Amino acid sequence: MTQMPLRWKVKPLLDRHQVTPYRLMMRSGLSRAVTYAIANGTHPALDSGVIDKLIPAMRELTGNEGLQIGDVVEYTQGEA
């Protein structure tokens, strides 16, 4: 599978709100491997099942009910 050209922006949000990846994992129900890969910016794909769990958990943990997909991931096609 080809890696998608995206950059995860979850870690800065977690840091800003003093939320650990472990808390995100517990709240979202995502596996440990997926949660930590997203937090470390190494998760290679954008999967609707992941987003369906990630966005509501991030909204709750950050207190930002308006948080959207663009707040957690950025499309980077064509960047060097």
PDB file of N, CA and C in Angstrom:
ATOM      1  N   MET A   1       0.845  -1.179   0.000  1.00  0.00           N
ATOM      2  CA  MET A   1       0.000   0.000   0.000  1.00  0.00           C
ATOM      3  C   MET A   1       0.892   1.244   0.000  1.00  0.00           C
ATOM      4  N   THR A   2       0.538   2.229  -0.786  1.00  0.00           N
ATOM      5  CA  THR A   2       1.261   3.481  -0.849  1.00  0.00           C
ATOM      6  C   THR A   2       0.900   4.349   0.343  1.00  0.00           C
ATOM      7  N   GLN A   3       1.913   4.976   0.932  1.00  0.00           N
ATOM      8  CA  GLN A   3       1.668   5.850   2.073  1.00  0.00           C
ATOM      9  C   GLN A   3       0.972   7.125   1.605  1.00  0.00           C
ATOM     10  N   MET A   4      -0.046   7.527   2.355  1.00  0.00           N
ATOM     11  CA  MET A   4      -0.784   8.738   2.010  1.00  0.00           C
ATOM     12  C   MET A   4       0.039   9.956   2.385  1.00  0.00           C
ATOM     13  N   PRO A   5      -0.043  11.006   1.581  1.00  0.00           N
ATOM     14  CA  PRO A   5       0.715  12.230   1.874  1.00  0.00           C
ATOM     15  C   PRO A   5      -0.004  13.083   2.915  1.00  0.00           C
ATOM     16  N   LEU A   6       0.137  12.694   4.181  1.00  0.00           N
ATOM     17  CA  LEU A   6      -0.499  13.490   5.214  1.00  0.00           C
ATOM     18  C   LEU A   6       0.388  13.637   6.431  1.00  0.00           C
ATOM     19  N   ARG A   7       0.095  14.667   7.175  1.00  0.00           N
ATOM     20  CA  ARG A   7       0.830  14.979   8.395  1.00  0.00           C
ATOM     21  C   ARG A   7      -0.177  15.060   9.534  1.00  0.00           C
ATOM     22  N   TRP A   8       0.035  14.227  10.545  1.00  0.00           N
ATOM     23  CA  TRP A   8      -0.826  14.251  11.725  1.00  0.00           C
ATOM     24  C   TRP A   8      -0.461  15.446  12.601  1.00  0.00           C
ATOM     25  N   LYS A   9      -1.468  16.143  13.110  1.00  0.00           N
ATOM     26  CA  LYS A   9      -1.262  17.317  13.963  1.00  0.00           C
ATOM     27  C   LYS A   9      -1.839  17.091  15.359  1.00  0.00           C
ATOM     28  N   VAL A  10      -1.931  15.833  15.777  1.00  0.00           N
ATOM     29  CA  VAL A  10      -2.553  15.482  17.048  1.00  0.00           C
ATOM     30  C   VAL A  10      -1.654  15.821  18.232  1.00  0.00           C
ATOM     31  N   LYS A  11      -0.365  15.536  18.140  1.00  0.00           N
ATOM     32  CA  LYS A  11       0.550  15.730  19.269  1.00  0.00           C
ATOM     33  C   LYS A  11       0.536  17.158  19.806  1.00  0.00           C
ATOM     34  N   PRO A  12       0.616  18.182  18.961  1.00  0.00           N
ATOM     35  CA  PRO A  12       0.557  19.536  19.501  1.00  0.00           C
ATOM     36  C   PRO A  12      -0.759  19.831  20.238  1.00  0.00           C
ATOM     37  N   LEU A  13      -1.862  19.275  19.744  1.00  0.00           N
ATOM     38  CA  LEU A  13      -3.148  19.464  20.433  1.00  0.00           C
ATOM     39  C   LEU A  13      -3.141  18.767  21.787  1.00  0.00           C
ATOM     40  N   LEU A  14      -2.622  17.557  21.813  1.00  0.00           N
ATOM     41  CA  LEU A  14      -2.534  16.837  23.082  1.00  0.00           C
ATOM     42  C   LEU A  14      -1.665  17.607  24.070  1.00  0.00           C
ATOM     43  N   ASP A  15      -0.516  18.061  23.606  1.00  0.00           N
ATOM     44  CA  ASP A  15       0.395  18.808  24.479  1.00  0.00           C
ATOM     45  C   ASP A  15      -0.243  20.091  25.001  1.00  0.00           C
ATOM     46  N   ARG A  16      -0.897  20.817  24.127  1.00  0.00           N
ATOM     47  CA  ARG A  16      -1.519  22.090  24.499  1.00  0.00           C
ATOM     48  C   ARG A  16      -2.587  21.891  25.580  1.00  0.00           C
ATOM     49  N   HIS A  17      -3.254  20.762  25.556  1.00  0.00           N
ATOM     50  CA  HIS A  17      -4.337  20.491  26.512  1.00  0.00           C
ATOM     51  C   HIS A  17      -3.912  19.511  27.607  1.00  0.00           C
ATOM     52  N   GLN A  18      -2.610  19.248  27.663  1.00  0.00           N
ATOM     53  CA  GLN A  18      -2.042  18.363  28.683  1.00  0.00           C
ATOM     54  C   GLN A  18      -2.757  17.007  28.731  1.00  0.00           C
ATOM     55  N   VAL A  19      -2.939  16.444  27.551  1.00  0.00           N
ATOM     56  CA  VAL A  19      -3.583  15.140  27.397  1.00  0.00           C
ATOM     57  C   VAL A  19      -2.519  14.157  26.905  1.00  0.00           C
ATOM     58  N   THR A  20      -2.430  13.019  27.534  1.00  0.00           N
ATOM     59  CA  THR A  20      -1.469  12.003  27.113  1.00  0.00           C
ATOM     60  C   THR A  20      -2.067  11.126  26.013  1.00  0.00           C
ATOM     61  N   PRO A  21      -1.209  10.519  25.207  1.00  0.00           N
ATOM     62  CA  PRO A  21      -1.718   9.552  24.242  1.00  0.00           C
ATOM     63  C   PRO A  21      -2.497   8.421  24.923  1.00  0.00           C
ATOM     64  N   TYR A  22      -2.083   8.057  26.117  1.00  0.00           N
ATOM     65  CA  TYR A  22      -2.801   7.008  26.848  1.00  0.00           C
ATOM     66  C   TYR A  22      -4.250   7.420  27.115  1.00  0.00           C
ATOM     67  N   ARG A  23      -4.460   8.653  27.563  1.00  0.00           N
ATOM     68  CA  ARG A  23      -5.835   9.137  27.784  1.00  0.00           C
ATOM     69  C   ARG A  23      -6.626   9.142  26.489  1.00  0.00           C
ATOM     70  N   LEU A  24      -5.983   9.543  25.400  1.00  0.00           N
ATOM     71  CA  LEU A  24      -6.647   9.520  24.099  1.00  0.00           C
ATOM     72  C   LEU A  24      -7.030   8.088  23.731  1.00  0.00           C
ATOM     73  N   MET A  25      -6.134   7.160  23.966  1.00  0.00           N
ATOM     74  CA  MET A  25      -6.417   5.761  23.668  1.00  0.00           C
ATOM     75  C   MET A  25      -7.619   5.267  24.477  1.00  0.00           C
ATOM     76  N   MET A  26      -7.637   5.573  25.767  1.00  0.00           N
ATOM     77  CA  MET A  26      -8.723   5.115  26.628  1.00  0.00           C
ATOM     78  C   MET A  26     -10.058   5.744  26.231  1.00  0.00           C
ATOM     79  N   ARG A  27     -10.054   7.012  25.879  1.00  0.00           N
ATOM     80  CA  ARG A  27     -11.285   7.716  25.530  1.00  0.00           C
ATOM     81  C   ARG A  27     -11.796   7.306  24.152  1.00  0.00           C
ATOM     82  N   SER A  28     -10.878   7.092  23.214  1.00  0.00           N
ATOM     83  CA  SER A  28     -11.279   6.832  21.826  1.00  0.00           C
ATOM     84  C   SER A  28     -11.604   5.367  21.555  1.00  0.00           C
ATOM     85  N   GLY A  29     -10.977   4.472  22.290  1.00  0.00           N
ATOM     86  CA  GLY A  29     -11.148   3.057  21.994  1.00  0.00           C
ATOM     87  C   GLY A  29     -10.243   2.565  20.873  1.00  0.00           C
ATOM     88  N   LEU A  30      -9.356   3.426  20.385  1.00  0.00           N
ATOM     89  CA  LEU A  30      -8.385   3.007  19.375  1.00  0.00           C
ATOM     90  C   LEU A  30      -7.338   2.114  20.034  1.00  0.00           C
ATOM     91  N   SER A  31      -6.707   1.275  19.251  1.00  0.00           N
ATOM     92  CA  SER A  31      -5.668   0.410  19.799  1.00  0.00           C
ATOM     93  C   SER A  31      -4.470   1.257  20.235  1.00  0.00           C
ATOM     94  N   ARG A  32      -3.672   0.673  21.103  1.00  0.00           N
ATOM     95  CA  ARG A  32      -2.482   1.374  21.568  1.00  0.00           C
ATOM     96  C   ARG A  32      -1.566   1.722  20.389  1.00  0.00           C
ATOM     97  N   ALA A  33      -1.343   0.751  19.507  1.00  0.00           N
ATOM     98  CA  ALA A  33      -0.449   0.968  18.368  1.00  0.00           C
ATOM     99  C   ALA A  33      -0.922   2.117  17.491  1.00  0.00           C
ATOM    100  N   VAL A  34      -2.199   2.143  17.175  1.00  0.00           N
ATOM    101  CA  VAL A  34      -2.747   3.206  16.324  1.00  0.00           C
ATOM    102  C   VAL A  34      -2.684   4.552  17.037  1.00  0.00           C
ATOM    103  N   THR A  35      -3.084   4.597  18.294  1.00  0.00           N
ATOM    104  CA  THR A  35      -3.080   5.859  19.041  1.00  0.00           C
ATOM    105  C   THR A  35      -1.691   6.457  19.112  1.00  0.00           C
ATOM    106  N   TYR A  36      -0.708   5.652  19.471  1.00  0.00           N
ATOM    107  CA  TYR A  36       0.657   6.171  19.597  1.00  0.00           C
ATOM    108  C   TYR A  36       1.252   6.520  18.233  1.00  0.00           C
ATOM    109  N   ALA A  37       0.906   5.777  17.190  1.00  0.00           N
ATOM    110  CA  ALA A  37       1.381   6.123  15.849  1.00  0.00           C
ATOM    111  C   ALA A  37       0.811   7.461  15.402  1.00  0.00           C
ATOM    112  N   ILE A  38      -0.450   7.712  15.707  1.00  0.00           N
ATOM    113  CA  ILE A  38      -1.061   9.001  15.369  1.00  0.00           C
ATOM    114  C   ILE A  38      -0.394  10.109  16.177  1.00  0.00           C
ATOM    115  N   ALA A  39      -0.243   9.888  17.482  1.00  0.00           N
ATOM    116  CA  ALA A  39       0.370  10.905  18.340  1.00  0.00           C
ATOM    117  C   ALA A  39       1.809  11.200  17.919  1.00  0.00           C
ATOM    118  N   ASN A  40       2.524  10.179  17.448  1.00  0.00           N
ATOM    119  CA  ASN A  40       3.908  10.371  17.014  1.00  0.00           C
ATOM    120  C   ASN A  40       4.016  10.810  15.559  1.00  0.00           C
ATOM    121  N   GLY A  41       2.878  10.907  14.880  1.00  0.00           N
ATOM    122  CA  GLY A  41       2.871  11.360  13.492  1.00  0.00           C
ATOM    123  C   GLY A  41       3.317  10.314  12.495  1.00  0.00           C
ATOM    124  N   THR A  42       3.280   9.038  12.882  1.00  0.00           N
ATOM    125  CA  THR A  42       3.772   7.986  11.991  1.00  0.00           C
ATOM    126  C   THR A  42       2.677   7.081  11.441  1.00  0.00           C
ATOM    127  N   HIS A  43       1.427   7.294  11.830  1.00  0.00           N
ATOM    128  CA  HIS A  43       0.344   6.450  11.299  1.00  0.00           C
ATOM    129  C   HIS A  43       0.201   6.739   9.812  1.00  0.00           C
ATOM    130  N   PRO A  44       0.300   5.713   8.959  1.00  0.00           N
ATOM    131  CA  PRO A  44       0.426   5.951   7.526  1.00  0.00           C
ATOM    132  C   PRO A  44      -0.859   6.227   6.756  1.00  0.00           C
ATOM    133  N   ALA A  45      -2.010   6.027   7.365  1.00  0.00           N
ATOM    134  CA  ALA A  45      -3.235   6.115   6.567  1.00  0.00           C
ATOM    135  C   ALA A  45      -4.327   6.893   7.283  1.00  0.00           C
ATOM    136  N   LEU A  46      -5.256   7.364   6.503  1.00  0.00           N
ATOM    137  CA  LEU A  46      -6.440   8.047   7.011  1.00  0.00           C
ATOM    138  C   LEU A  46      -7.607   7.096   6.795  1.00  0.00           C
ATOM    139  N   ASP A  47      -8.122   6.572   7.879  1.00  0.00           N
ATOM    140  CA  ASP A  47      -9.151   5.545   7.837  1.00  0.00           C
ATOM    141  C   ASP A  47     -10.405   6.086   8.508  1.00  0.00           C
ATOM    142  N   SER A  48     -11.545   5.890   7.888  1.00  0.00           N
ATOM    143  CA  SER A  48     -12.779   6.449   8.448  1.00  0.00           C
ATOM    144  C   SER A  48     -13.088   5.878   9.829  1.00  0.00           C
ATOM    145  N   GLY A  49     -12.750   4.622  10.083  1.00  0.00           N
ATOM    146  CA  GLY A  49     -12.966   4.046  11.405  1.00  0.00           C
ATOM    147  C   GLY A  49     -12.132   4.736  12.467  1.00  0.00           C
ATOM    148  N   VAL A  50     -10.907   5.097  12.109  1.00  0.00           N
ATOM    149  CA  VAL A  50     -10.032   5.819  13.035  1.00  0.00           C
ATOM    150  C   VAL A  50     -10.583   7.217  13.279  1.00  0.00           C
ATOM    151  N   ILE A  51     -10.953   7.904  12.227  1.00  0.00           N
ATOM    152  CA  ILE A  51     -11.472   9.270  12.356  1.00  0.00           C
ATOM    153  C   ILE A  51     -12.758   9.279  13.171  1.00  0.00           C
ATOM    154  N   ASP A  52     -13.626   8.283  12.956  1.00  0.00           N
ATOM    155  CA  ASP A  52     -14.888   8.207  13.708  1.00  0.00           C
ATOM    156  C   ASP A  52     -14.663   8.071  15.207  1.00  0.00           C
ATOM    157  N   LYS A  53     -13.544   7.509  15.611  1.00  0.00           N
ATOM    158  CA  LYS A  53     -13.216   7.390  17.034  1.00  0.00           C
ATOM    159  C   LYS A  53     -12.365   8.565  17.522  1.00  0.00           C
ATOM    160  N   LEU A  54     -11.466   9.019  16.664  1.00  0.00           N
ATOM    161  CA  LEU A  54     -10.514  10.056  17.049  1.00  0.00           C
ATOM    162  C   LEU A  54     -11.170  11.418  17.278  1.00  0.00           C
ATOM    163  N   ILE A  55     -11.985  11.865  16.343  1.00  0.00           N
ATOM    164  CA  ILE A  55     -12.556  13.220  16.426  1.00  0.00           C
ATOM    165  C   ILE A  55     -13.421  13.400  17.676  1.00  0.00           C
ATOM    166  N   PRO A  56     -14.375  12.515  17.957  1.00  0.00           N
ATOM    167  CA  PRO A  56     -15.166  12.713  19.184  1.00  0.00           C
ATOM    168  C   PRO A  56     -14.317  12.700  20.459  1.00  0.00           C
ATOM    169  N   ALA A  57     -13.311  11.817  20.500  1.00  0.00           N
ATOM    170  CA  ALA A  57     -12.444  11.765  21.679  1.00  0.00           C
ATOM    171  C   ALA A  57     -11.638  13.047  21.817  1.00  0.00           C
ATOM    172  N   MET A  58     -11.094  13.543  20.712  1.00  0.00           N
ATOM    173  CA  MET A  58     -10.319  14.790  20.750  1.00  0.00           C
ATOM    174  C   MET A  58     -11.207  15.970  21.131  1.00  0.00           C
ATOM    175  N   ARG A  59     -12.437  15.996  20.641  1.00  0.00           N
ATOM    176  CA  ARG A  59     -13.368  17.064  21.027  1.00  0.00           C
ATOM    177  C   ARG A  59     -13.595  17.054  22.527  1.00  0.00           C
ATOM    178  N   GLU A  60     -13.827  15.875  23.075  1.00  0.00           N
ATOM    179  CA  GLU A  60     -14.084  15.775  24.508  1.00  0.00           C
ATOM    180  C   GLU A  60     -12.850  16.133  25.331  1.00  0.00           C
ATOM    181  N   LEU A  61     -11.694  15.613  24.951  1.00  0.00           N
ATOM    182  CA  LEU A  61     -10.480  15.834  25.730  1.00  0.00           C
ATOM    183  C   LEU A  61      -9.954  17.256  25.652  1.00  0.00           C
ATOM    184  N   THR A  62     -10.211  17.942  24.531  1.00  0.00           N
ATOM    185  CA  THR A  62      -9.733  19.321  24.387  1.00  0.00           C
ATOM    186  C   THR A  62     -10.794  20.352  24.754  1.00  0.00           C
ATOM    187  N   GLY A  63     -12.045  19.908  24.865  1.00  0.00           N
ATOM    188  CA  GLY A  63     -13.134  20.843  25.133  1.00  0.00           C
ATOM    189  C   GLY A  63     -13.520  21.656  23.919  1.00  0.00           C
ATOM    190  N   ASN A  64     -13.059  21.258  22.749  1.00  0.00           N
ATOM    191  CA  ASN A  64     -13.339  21.973  21.504  1.00  0.00           C
ATOM    192  C   ASN A  64     -14.362  21.193  20.692  1.00  0.00           C
ATOM    193  N   GLU A  65     -15.627  21.507  20.861  1.00  0.00           N
ATOM    194  CA  GLU A  65     -16.684  20.804  20.132  1.00  0.00           C
ATOM    195  C   GLU A  65     -16.663  21.102  18.641  1.00  0.00           C
ATOM    196  N   GLY A  66     -15.963  22.136  18.237  1.00  0.00           N
ATOM    197  CA  GLY A  66     -15.871  22.490  16.827  1.00  0.00           C
ATOM    198  C   GLY A  66     -14.684  21.855  16.120  1.00  0.00           C
ATOM    199  N   LEU A  67     -13.908  21.020  16.817  1.00  0.00           N
ATOM    200  CA  LEU A  67     -12.734  20.394  16.232  1.00  0.00           C
ATOM    201  C   LEU A  67     -13.133  19.582  15.001  1.00  0.00           C
ATOM    202  N   GLN A  68     -12.379  19.743  13.931  1.00  0.00           N
ATOM    203  CA  GLN A  68     -12.668  19.079  12.659  1.00  0.00           C
ATOM    204  C   GLN A  68     -11.462  18.276  12.195  1.00  0.00           C
ATOM    205  N   ILE A  69     -11.647  17.519  11.156  1.00  0.00           N
ATOM    206  CA  ILE A  69     -10.573  16.674  10.638  1.00  0.00           C
ATOM    207  C   ILE A  69      -9.320  17.486  10.286  1.00  0.00           C
ATOM    208  N   GLY A  70      -9.495  18.677   9.774  1.00  0.00           N
ATOM    209  CA  GLY A  70      -8.362  19.529   9.420  1.00  0.00           C
ATOM    210  C   GLY A  70      -7.549  19.991  10.620  1.00  0.00           C
ATOM    211  N   ASP A  71      -8.099  19.861  11.804  1.00  0.00           N
ATOM    212  CA  ASP A  71      -7.374  20.203  13.024  1.00  0.00           C
ATOM    213  C   ASP A  71      -6.429  19.087  13.454  1.00  0.00           C
ATOM    214  N   VAL A  72      -6.656  17.873  12.957  1.00  0.00           N
ATOM    215  CA  VAL A  72      -5.840  16.740  13.381  1.00  0.00           C
ATOM    216  C   VAL A  72      -4.967  16.150  12.275  1.00  0.00           C
ATOM    217  N   VAL A  73      -5.257  16.473  11.035  1.00  0.00           N
ATOM    218  CA  VAL A  73      -4.463  15.934   9.936  1.00  0.00           C
ATOM    219  C   VAL A  73      -4.397  16.970   8.807  1.00  0.00           C
ATOM    220  N   GLU A  74      -3.259  16.980   8.119  1.00  0.00           N
ATOM    221  CA  GLU A  74      -3.050  17.928   7.022  1.00  0.00           C
ATOM    222  C   GLU A  74      -2.598  17.152   5.793  1.00  0.00           C
ATOM    223  N   TYR A  75      -3.196  17.429   4.666  1.00  0.00           N
ATOM    224  CA  TYR A  75      -2.820  16.814   3.391  1.00  0.00           C
ATOM    225  C   TYR A  75      -1.580  17.512   2.875  1.00  0.00           C
ATOM    226  N   THR A  76      -0.552  16.744   2.521  1.00  0.00           N
ATOM    227  CA  THR A  76       0.742  17.331   2.169  1.00  0.00           C
ATOM    228  C   THR A  76       1.218  16.977   0.758  1.00  0.00           C
ATOM    229  N   GLN A  77       0.334  16.595  -0.128  1.00  0.00           N
ATOM    230  CA  GLN A  77       0.731  16.232  -1.496  1.00  0.00           C
ATOM    231  C   GLN A  77       1.528  17.342  -2.132  1.00  0.00           C
ATOM    232  N   GLY A  78       2.653  16.982  -2.724  1.00  0.00           N
ATOM    233  CA  GLY A  78       3.454  17.948  -3.448  1.00  0.00           C
ATOM    234  C   GLY A  78       4.437  18.716  -2.595  1.00  0.00           C
ATOM    235  N   GLU A  79       4.429  18.513  -1.277  1.00  0.00           N
ATOM    236  CA  GLU A  79       5.416  19.180  -0.428  1.00  0.00           C
ATOM    237  C   GLU A  79       6.728  18.432  -0.507  1.00  0.00           C
ATOM    238  N   ALA A  80       7.789  19.173  -0.418  1.00  0.00           N
ATOM    239  CA  ALA A  80       9.128  18.552  -0.459  1.00  0.00           C
ATOM    240  C   ALA A  80       9.496  17.951   0.860  1.00  0.00           C
TER     241      ALA A  80
END
